[in-house]
Amino acid sequence: MGHLLNDKSALVPLIDRLNRYPVGLVDSPRLRQILALLFDPREAEVAARFPLTEATRAELVERTGLPAAELDGILESMANKGLVMDLPVGHETYYLLVPGLIGFMEFSFMRDRGDLPQAELARLMSAYLREQGKDGQAGEFFGSRWPLTRALVYEDQIPVQSRITGWEDARQIIQDAEFHAVTLCFCRHKKAHEGKTCQQGAPVEEICMVLGEGARFLVRRGMAEPRSADEMLAILDRARALGLTHITDNIREQPSFLCNCCRCCCELLAGVQMGFHEGIAKTPFLAEVDPERCDYCGACLRACNAKCIGLADDARALPKAQRWAQVDAEVCLGCGACLQVCEQGALTLVPRAKRPRPPRDRNALFTRILWDKGRLMPFIAEGLRRGVERLRRRR
């Protein structure tokens, strides 16, 4: 049935609805192919009628005009696919349409699926995320002044005189979360369906983490498995042994995920490598090379997940034995993954001149992105309308 969605009239309302999120989906033939594989026609129609915030079953019945029993079946199917989140609160269940990124595109690879052509989806998604450069989906995702994600530092590599706050510390984020789960790495799973493997030897399974209410949803729908905080900390240590970069939500309170990302598979790091140097918010630190100690062995060049280390400009004319490496300060995330491979002790982390401070929570982050993209006023207007509607129903 998915091929029926290829006609413009069926897909435009869905794409228009998804583009009202802080990070939307740039329309293209590839996007329409992806959506046609993920949504059947009824699901696409229901999704297009979702409000911008959560909705009850009764509200969705009113919005869609569908009988409650029929709508229940559609919502259940969409939740199983990761297209809609069902969030039980007391005796009521609220439904939220999942954004495309970060959202249902990642969810579609968080388990092995027999109901989706994952190899075809992998090919389409990889091409879609890179098409049209800064005018395409990469620009939509990475182009805001307020990145959706941020890097975390290896706290054991920071200078002894420096401190990090709880929201800058991956271990503290895990310990503070009220629910933990582990899932397949979307990026490496997608690459596997393209016939590629991680050059760093990072696994697909048991490596990427989800936290809080979103993790509960993914566990309920078979896309994640619960783990204890201690088990999550052990996964974090494993990720550091592999030289992976920790990336989380660009917020201070209750991050929803903690990914352990490699330079060859990660779609987030690919954005940085494509030239979106502010596409991932940086840590409070910056890697720095001591020219007196560096022998330009190349270990840090191979370890840098942002690919921001190279030959120092002042060393280009020198013989190889006298060369040293240099960090591009505009690109460096300050994660510290490169430090552990330097046998000469030539790499250190130094504090940035200005310490980055993420927005407080997801609402604050989304508000800033929506304002930056000129989408905030429609969002506010719909919120006011829905508030009035709910008051009217209560009367």
Protein backbone atom coordinates (compact mmCIF):
# COMPACT_ATOMS: atom_id res chain seq x y z
CA MET A 1 0.00 0.00 0.00
CA GLY A 2 2.96 2.35 0.57
CA HIS A 3 3.35 3.05 -3.16
CA LEU A 4 0.02 4.89 -3.07
CA LEU A 5 1.70 7.63 -1.07
CA ASN A 6 3.95 8.61 -3.95
CA ASP A 7 1.31 10.93 -5.35
CA LYS A 8 1.74 14.56 -4.28
CA SER A 9 -1.71 15.11 -2.80
CA ALA A 10 -1.27 12.27 -0.28
CA LEU A 11 2.20 13.23 0.91
CA VAL A 12 2.13 17.02 1.06
CA PRO A 13 -0.04 17.27 4.23
CA LEU A 14 2.25 14.82 6.03
CA ILE A 15 5.42 16.66 4.99
CA ASP A 16 3.85 20.01 5.87
CA ARG A 17 2.97 18.70 9.34
CA LEU A 18 6.48 17.31 9.93
CA ASN A 19 7.99 20.61 8.84
CA ARG A 20 6.31 22.42 11.70
CA TYR A 21 8.74 20.78 14.12
CA PRO A 22 11.98 22.58 15.07
CA VAL A 23 13.85 20.20 12.75
CA GLY A 24 11.72 19.40 9.74
CA LEU A 25 12.22 17.28 6.63
CA VAL A 26 13.19 18.98 3.37
CA ASP A 27 10.92 17.75 0.59
CA SER A 28 12.51 15.71 -2.17
CA PRO A 29 11.74 12.58 -4.21
CA ARG A 30 13.90 10.53 -1.83
CA LEU A 31 12.03 11.81 1.21
CA ARG A 32 8.74 10.77 -0.39
CA GLN A 33 10.12 7.31 -1.05
CA ILE A 34 11.19 7.03 2.60
CA LEU A 35 7.82 8.18 3.91
CA ALA A 36 5.99 5.81 1.56
CA LEU A 37 7.94 2.90 3.06
CA LEU A 38 7.32 3.96 6.66
CA PHE A 39 3.68 5.16 6.56
CA ASP A 40 0.75 3.40 4.97
CA PRO A 41 -1.93 5.71 3.53
CA ARG A 42 -4.15 5.74 6.61
CA GLU A 43 -1.18 6.35 8.90
CA ALA A 44 -0.02 9.25 6.73
CA GLU A 45 -3.47 10.83 6.87
CA VAL A 46 -3.70 10.48 10.64
CA ALA A 47 -0.15 11.79 11.14
CA ALA A 48 -0.92 14.89 9.06
CA ARG A 49 -3.76 15.77 11.46
CA PHE A 50 -1.72 15.52 14.67
CA PRO A 51 -1.35 18.67 16.76
CA LEU A 52 2.15 19.96 17.54
CA THR A 53 1.96 18.71 21.11
CA GLU A 54 0.54 15.56 22.68
CA ALA A 55 -3.11 14.64 22.14
CA THR A 56 -5.61 12.32 23.79
CA ARG A 57 -7.54 9.62 21.94
CA ALA A 58 -10.69 11.75 22.12
CA GLU A 59 -8.90 14.75 20.63
CA LEU A 60 -7.54 12.63 17.77
CA VAL A 61 -10.98 11.18 17.08
CA GLU A 62 -12.26 14.74 16.71
CA ARG A 63 -9.33 15.82 14.54
CA THR A 64 -9.38 12.82 12.20
CA GLY A 65 -13.10 12.10 12.08
CA LEU A 66 -12.37 8.38 12.41
CA PRO A 67 -14.30 6.01 14.67
CA ALA A 68 -12.44 5.38 17.92
CA ALA A 69 -12.02 1.64 17.27
CA GLU A 70 -10.53 2.25 13.82
CA LEU A 71 -8.24 4.98 15.12
CA ASP A 72 -7.02 2.72 17.95
CA GLY A 73 -5.75 0.17 15.43
CA ILE A 74 -3.95 2.82 13.40
CA LEU A 75 -2.31 4.36 16.48
CA GLU A 76 -1.20 0.94 17.71
CA SER A 77 0.41 0.20 14.35
CA MET A 78 2.14 3.59 14.30
CA ALA A 79 3.44 3.15 17.84
CA ASN A 80 4.87 -0.26 16.96
CA LYS A 81 6.69 1.35 14.03
CA GLY A 82 8.01 4.21 16.17
CA LEU A 83 5.99 6.81 14.25
CA VAL A 84 3.91 7.80 17.28
CA MET A 85 4.78 7.73 20.98
CA ASP A 86 2.08 6.53 23.36
CA LEU A 87 2.60 8.05 26.80
CA PRO A 88 0.46 6.71 29.67
CA VAL A 89 -0.27 9.34 32.34
CA GLY A 90 -2.57 8.13 35.10
CA HIS A 91 -5.75 6.78 33.49
CA GLU A 92 -5.16 8.64 30.20
CA THR A 93 -2.84 7.87 27.29
CA TYR A 94 -1.38 10.76 25.32
CA TYR A 95 -0.09 10.40 21.78
CA LEU A 96 2.72 12.39 20.19
CA LEU A 97 3.73 12.34 16.53
CA VAL A 98 7.44 11.53 16.42
CA PRO A 99 9.62 13.97 14.42
CA GLY A 100 11.61 12.66 11.49
CA LEU A 101 15.03 13.58 12.95
CA ILE A 102 15.87 12.87 15.73
CA GLY A 103 12.91 10.50 15.66
CA PHE A 104 11.28 7.89 13.46
CA MET A 105 14.21 7.63 11.03
CA GLU A 106 16.42 6.49 13.90
CA PHE A 107 13.68 4.36 15.46
CA SER A 108 13.30 2.44 12.17
CA PHE A 109 16.78 0.95 12.71
CA MET A 110 16.64 0.33 16.46
CA ARG A 111 15.72 -3.30 15.90
CA ASP A 112 15.85 -5.83 13.09
CA ARG A 113 12.62 -5.38 11.17
CA GLY A 114 10.75 -7.85 9.03
CA ASP A 115 8.00 -5.33 8.31
CA LEU A 116 10.31 -2.80 6.61
CA PRO A 117 12.79 -3.09 3.70
CA GLN A 118 15.69 -1.87 5.84
CA ALA A 119 18.33 -2.22 3.12
CA GLU A 120 16.34 0.03 0.80
CA LEU A 121 15.63 2.47 3.63
CA ALA A 122 19.34 2.58 4.53
CA ARG A 123 20.30 3.49 0.98
CA LEU A 124 17.59 6.14 0.69
CA MET A 125 18.27 7.70 4.10
CA SER A 126 22.04 7.93 3.56
CA ALA A 127 21.53 9.68 0.23
CA TYR A 128 18.75 11.92 1.59
CA LEU A 129 20.78 13.14 4.57
CA ARG A 130 23.51 14.35 2.22
CA GLU A 131 21.65 15.62 -0.83
CA GLN A 132 21.68 19.34 -1.73
CA GLY A 133 24.34 20.14 0.88
CA LYS A 134 23.51 23.13 3.05
CA ASP A 135 20.23 23.67 1.20
CA GLY A 136 19.08 20.13 1.91
CA GLN A 137 18.37 18.04 4.99
CA ALA A 138 21.86 18.53 6.44
CA GLY A 139 21.29 22.28 6.43
CA GLU A 140 17.88 21.86 8.06
CA PHE A 141 19.33 19.68 10.82
CA PHE A 142 22.66 21.41 11.47
CA GLY A 143 21.97 24.96 10.26
CA SER A 144 20.41 26.52 13.37
CA ARG A 145 22.46 28.58 15.81
CA TRP A 146 21.14 26.20 18.46
CA PRO A 147 22.39 22.64 17.85
CA LEU A 148 20.05 19.80 18.71
CA THR A 149 22.90 17.77 20.23
CA ARG A 150 26.13 18.34 22.15
CA ALA A 151 29.34 16.48 22.84
CA LEU A 152 30.45 15.30 26.27
CA VAL A 153 34.01 15.19 27.55
CA TYR A 154 35.95 12.20 28.92
CA GLU A 155 36.03 13.54 32.47
CA ASP A 156 39.23 11.65 33.29
CA GLN A 157 41.07 13.66 30.62
CA ILE A 158 40.20 17.17 31.77
CA PRO A 159 42.87 19.36 33.42
CA VAL A 160 43.23 18.76 37.14
CA GLN A 161 42.36 22.37 37.92
CA SER A 162 39.10 22.18 35.94
CA ARG A 163 35.67 20.98 36.98
CA ILE A 164 32.61 19.92 35.04
CA THR A 165 28.98 20.24 36.02
CA GLY A 166 26.55 17.33 36.22
CA TRP A 167 25.09 18.12 32.81
CA GLU A 168 28.58 18.01 31.27
CA ASP A 169 29.41 14.62 32.81
CA ALA A 170 28.24 11.49 30.96
CA ARG A 171 28.47 9.38 34.12
CA GLN A 172 26.35 11.83 36.10
CA ILE A 173 23.74 12.01 33.32
CA ILE A 174 23.38 8.22 33.50
CA GLN A 175 23.21 8.15 37.29
CA ASP A 176 20.60 10.93 37.39
CA ALA A 177 18.27 9.29 34.85
CA GLU A 178 15.23 7.55 36.36
CA PHE A 179 15.09 4.84 33.66
CA HIS A 180 17.80 3.37 31.43
CA ALA A 181 17.80 1.25 28.30
CA VAL A 182 20.17 0.23 25.54
CA THR A 183 19.34 0.00 21.85
CA LEU A 184 20.88 -0.73 18.48
CA CYS A 185 23.02 2.05 17.05
CA PHE A 186 20.92 3.57 14.26
CA CYS A 187 23.96 4.71 12.28
CA ARG A 188 25.94 1.46 12.37
CA HIS A 189 22.83 -0.65 11.80
CA LYS A 190 22.00 1.46 8.75
CA LYS A 191 25.59 1.10 7.49
CA ALA A 192 25.40 -2.65 7.98
CA HIS A 193 22.42 -2.75 5.61
CA GLU A 194 24.63 -0.90 3.12
CA GLY A 195 27.29 -3.61 3.45
CA LYS A 196 29.66 -1.49 5.58
CA THR A 197 31.22 -2.03 9.01
CA CYS A 198 32.68 0.36 11.58
CA GLN A 199 36.38 1.07 11.03
CA GLN A 200 36.84 1.49 14.80
CA GLY A 201 35.34 -1.90 15.56
CA ALA A 202 32.38 -0.35 17.40
CA PRO A 203 29.41 -2.71 17.73
CA VAL A 204 25.86 -2.21 16.51
CA GLU A 205 24.35 -3.70 19.66
CA GLU A 206 24.69 -2.79 23.35
CA ILE A 207 26.36 0.59 22.75
CA CYS A 208 23.82 3.43 22.42
CA MET A 209 21.71 4.50 25.37
CA VAL A 210 18.24 5.95 25.85
CA LEU A 211 16.97 7.53 29.05
CA GLY A 212 13.80 8.52 30.83
CA GLU A 213 10.26 8.41 29.43
CA GLY A 214 11.44 7.99 25.83
CA ALA A 215 13.38 4.90 26.91
CA ARG A 216 10.24 3.44 28.51
CA PHE A 217 8.38 3.85 25.22
CA LEU A 218 11.17 2.18 23.22
CA VAL A 219 11.26 -0.75 25.66
CA ARG A 220 7.47 -1.18 25.47
CA ARG A 221 7.67 -1.30 21.69
CA GLY A 222 10.60 -3.71 21.50
CA MET A 223 13.16 -1.16 20.27
CA ALA A 224 15.30 -1.12 23.43
CA GLU A 225 16.14 -3.28 26.44
CA PRO A 226 16.22 -2.02 30.03
CA ARG A 227 19.53 -1.84 31.86
CA SER A 228 20.69 -0.77 35.30
CA ALA A 229 22.75 2.36 35.85
CA ASP A 230 25.81 0.20 36.61
CA GLU A 231 25.36 -1.69 33.34
CA MET A 232 25.12 1.60 31.48
CA LEU A 233 28.33 2.85 33.09
CA ALA A 234 30.07 -0.32 31.94
CA ILE A 235 28.87 0.37 28.38
CA LEU A 236 30.26 3.90 28.70
CA ASP A 237 33.68 2.48 29.67
CA ARG A 238 33.53 0.13 26.69
CA ALA A 239 32.76 3.05 24.39
CA ARG A 240 35.76 4.98 25.71
CA ALA A 241 38.05 2.02 25.18
CA LEU A 242 36.96 2.13 21.53
CA GLY A 243 37.62 5.87 21.31
CA LEU A 244 34.00 6.84 20.68
CA THR A 245 32.61 10.33 21.24
CA HIS A 246 29.67 10.76 23.64
CA ILE A 247 26.80 12.86 22.23
CA THR A 248 23.57 13.78 24.00
CA ASP A 249 20.69 16.28 23.83
CA ASN A 250 21.81 19.90 23.91
CA ILE A 251 19.98 20.55 27.19
CA ARG A 252 20.92 20.64 30.86
CA GLU A 253 17.97 18.77 32.36
CA GLN A 254 16.87 15.19 31.61
CA PRO A 255 18.63 14.33 28.35
CA SER A 256 16.83 11.53 26.50
CA PHE A 257 19.78 9.72 24.90
CA LEU A 258 23.52 9.22 25.08
CA CYS A 259 25.06 7.97 21.85
CA ASN A 260 28.61 6.67 21.49
CA CYS A 261 29.67 7.83 18.07
CA CYS A 262 32.42 6.87 15.63
CA ARG A 263 33.98 8.97 12.87
CA CYS A 264 33.00 6.60 10.04
CA CYS A 265 29.31 5.77 10.65
CA CYS A 266 27.78 8.52 12.79
CA GLU A 267 25.40 10.84 10.92
CA LEU A 268 25.89 13.55 13.57
CA LEU A 269 29.68 13.57 13.20
CA ALA A 270 29.27 13.38 9.43
CA GLY A 271 27.60 16.78 9.62
CA VAL A 272 30.64 18.26 11.36
CA GLN A 273 32.90 16.65 8.79
CA MET A 274 30.72 18.11 5.98
CA GLY A 275 31.45 21.63 7.22
CA PHE A 276 28.73 22.23 9.81
CA HIS A 277 31.34 22.97 12.45
CA GLU A 278 28.76 24.26 14.94
CA GLY A 279 26.32 21.44 14.17
CA ILE A 280 27.12 19.70 17.47
CA ALA A 281 27.54 21.91 20.54
CA LYS A 282 31.03 21.64 21.97
CA THR A 283 32.33 20.75 25.42
CA PRO A 284 33.99 23.42 27.60
CA PHE A 285 37.39 22.14 26.45
CA LEU A 286 39.64 22.11 23.42
CA ALA A 287 42.39 19.67 22.45
CA GLU A 288 45.82 21.23 22.13
CA VAL A 289 49.11 19.82 20.82
CA ASP A 290 52.53 20.44 22.40
CA PRO A 291 54.90 20.75 19.39
CA GLU A 292 57.88 19.88 21.55
CA ARG A 293 56.47 16.46 22.41
CA CYS A 294 54.62 15.59 19.21
CA ASP A 295 56.45 13.32 16.76
CA TYR A 296 53.61 13.39 14.20
CA CYS A 297 52.99 9.65 14.46
CA GLY A 298 49.45 10.05 13.16
CA ALA A 299 47.67 8.28 16.02
CA CYS A 300 45.58 11.32 16.98
CA LEU A 301 44.66 12.00 13.35
CA ARG A 302 43.19 8.52 13.12
CA ALA A 303 41.47 8.80 16.53
CA CYS A 304 39.77 12.18 16.04
CA ASN A 305 36.09 11.57 15.39
CA ALA A 306 35.56 15.12 14.10
CA LYS A 307 38.57 14.76 11.75
CA CYS A 308 39.95 18.10 12.92
CA ILE A 309 43.61 17.18 13.51
CA GLY A 310 46.21 17.50 10.78
CA LEU A 311 49.72 18.67 9.98
CA ALA A 312 50.60 22.00 11.60
CA ASP A 313 50.82 24.85 9.11
CA ASP A 314 54.27 25.90 10.37
CA ALA A 315 55.57 22.35 9.95
CA ARG A 316 54.65 21.74 6.31
CA ALA A 317 58.04 22.65 4.91
CA LEU A 318 59.96 20.64 7.51
CA PRO A 319 61.28 17.08 7.18
CA LYS A 320 58.87 14.43 8.44
CA ALA A 321 60.90 13.75 11.58
CA GLN A 322 60.49 17.40 12.65
CA ARG A 323 56.76 17.79 12.00
CA TRP A 324 53.96 18.06 14.55
CA ALA A 325 50.18 17.90 14.53
CA GLN A 326 47.73 20.76 14.94
CA VAL A 327 44.09 20.89 16.11
CA ASP A 328 41.57 23.01 14.21
CA ALA A 329 40.04 24.90 17.12
CA GLU A 330 36.92 25.86 15.13
CA VAL A 331 36.03 22.21 14.59
CA CYS A 332 37.27 20.41 17.73
CA LEU A 333 34.45 19.13 19.93
CA GLY A 334 36.65 18.83 23.00
CA CYS A 335 35.55 15.25 23.73
CA GLY A 336 39.04 14.00 24.67
CA ALA A 337 38.91 10.77 22.65
CA CYS A 338 42.23 11.61 20.98
CA LEU A 339 44.22 12.03 24.20
CA GLN A 340 44.32 8.36 25.15
CA VAL A 341 46.11 7.30 21.95
CA CYS A 342 49.02 9.76 22.24
CA GLU A 343 52.03 7.84 23.57
CA GLN A 344 54.12 11.02 23.71
CA GLY A 345 51.74 12.85 26.04
CA ALA A 346 51.65 15.70 23.53
CA LEU A 347 47.87 16.20 23.67
CA THR A 348 46.01 17.94 26.47
CA LEU A 349 42.60 19.49 26.98
CA VAL A 350 42.51 23.20 27.76
CA PRO A 351 39.47 25.28 28.79
CA ARG A 352 37.74 27.25 26.04
CA ALA A 353 37.70 31.02 26.35
CA LYS A 354 33.91 30.92 26.62
CA ARG A 355 32.16 28.03 28.36
CA PRO A 356 29.13 26.78 26.37
CA ARG A 357 25.83 26.67 28.27
CA PRO A 358 22.97 24.61 26.80
CA PRO A 359 19.31 25.59 27.15
CA ARG A 360 17.66 24.34 30.34
CA ASP A 361 15.32 21.74 28.84
CA ARG A 362 13.82 20.47 25.59
CA ASN A 363 11.10 23.14 25.51
CA ALA A 364 13.67 25.91 25.86
CA LEU A 365 15.84 24.38 23.13
CA PHE A 366 12.95 23.91 20.72
CA THR A 367 11.73 27.46 21.35
CA ARG A 368 15.13 28.84 20.38
CA ILE A 369 15.35 26.72 17.24
CA LEU A 370 11.79 27.63 16.20
CA TRP A 371 12.54 31.32 16.75
CA ASP A 372 15.77 31.02 14.78
CA LYS A 373 13.88 29.46 11.85
CA GLY A 374 10.88 31.81 12.00
CA ARG A 375 8.47 29.03 13.07
CA LEU A 376 7.75 30.05 16.64
CA MET A 377 4.60 32.17 16.21
CA PRO A 378 2.56 29.43 14.45
CA PHE A 379 3.61 27.05 17.24
CA ILE A 380 2.40 29.49 19.91
CA ALA A 381 -0.82 30.18 18.02
CA GLU A 382 -1.68 26.48 17.86
CA GLY A 383 -0.89 26.07 21.54
CA LEU A 384 -3.32 28.86 22.40
CA ARG A 385 -6.03 27.36 20.19
CA ARG A 386 -5.63 23.96 21.79
CA GLY A 387 -5.75 25.49 25.26
CA VAL A 388 -9.04 27.18 24.43
CA GLU A 389 -10.42 23.93 22.95
CA ARG A 390 -9.58 21.97 26.11
CA LEU A 391 -11.18 24.59 28.33
CA ARG A 392 -14.31 24.48 26.15
CA ARG A 393 -14.54 20.67 26.50
CA ARG A 394 -14.24 20.84 30.27
CA ARG A 395 -17.20 23.23 30.44
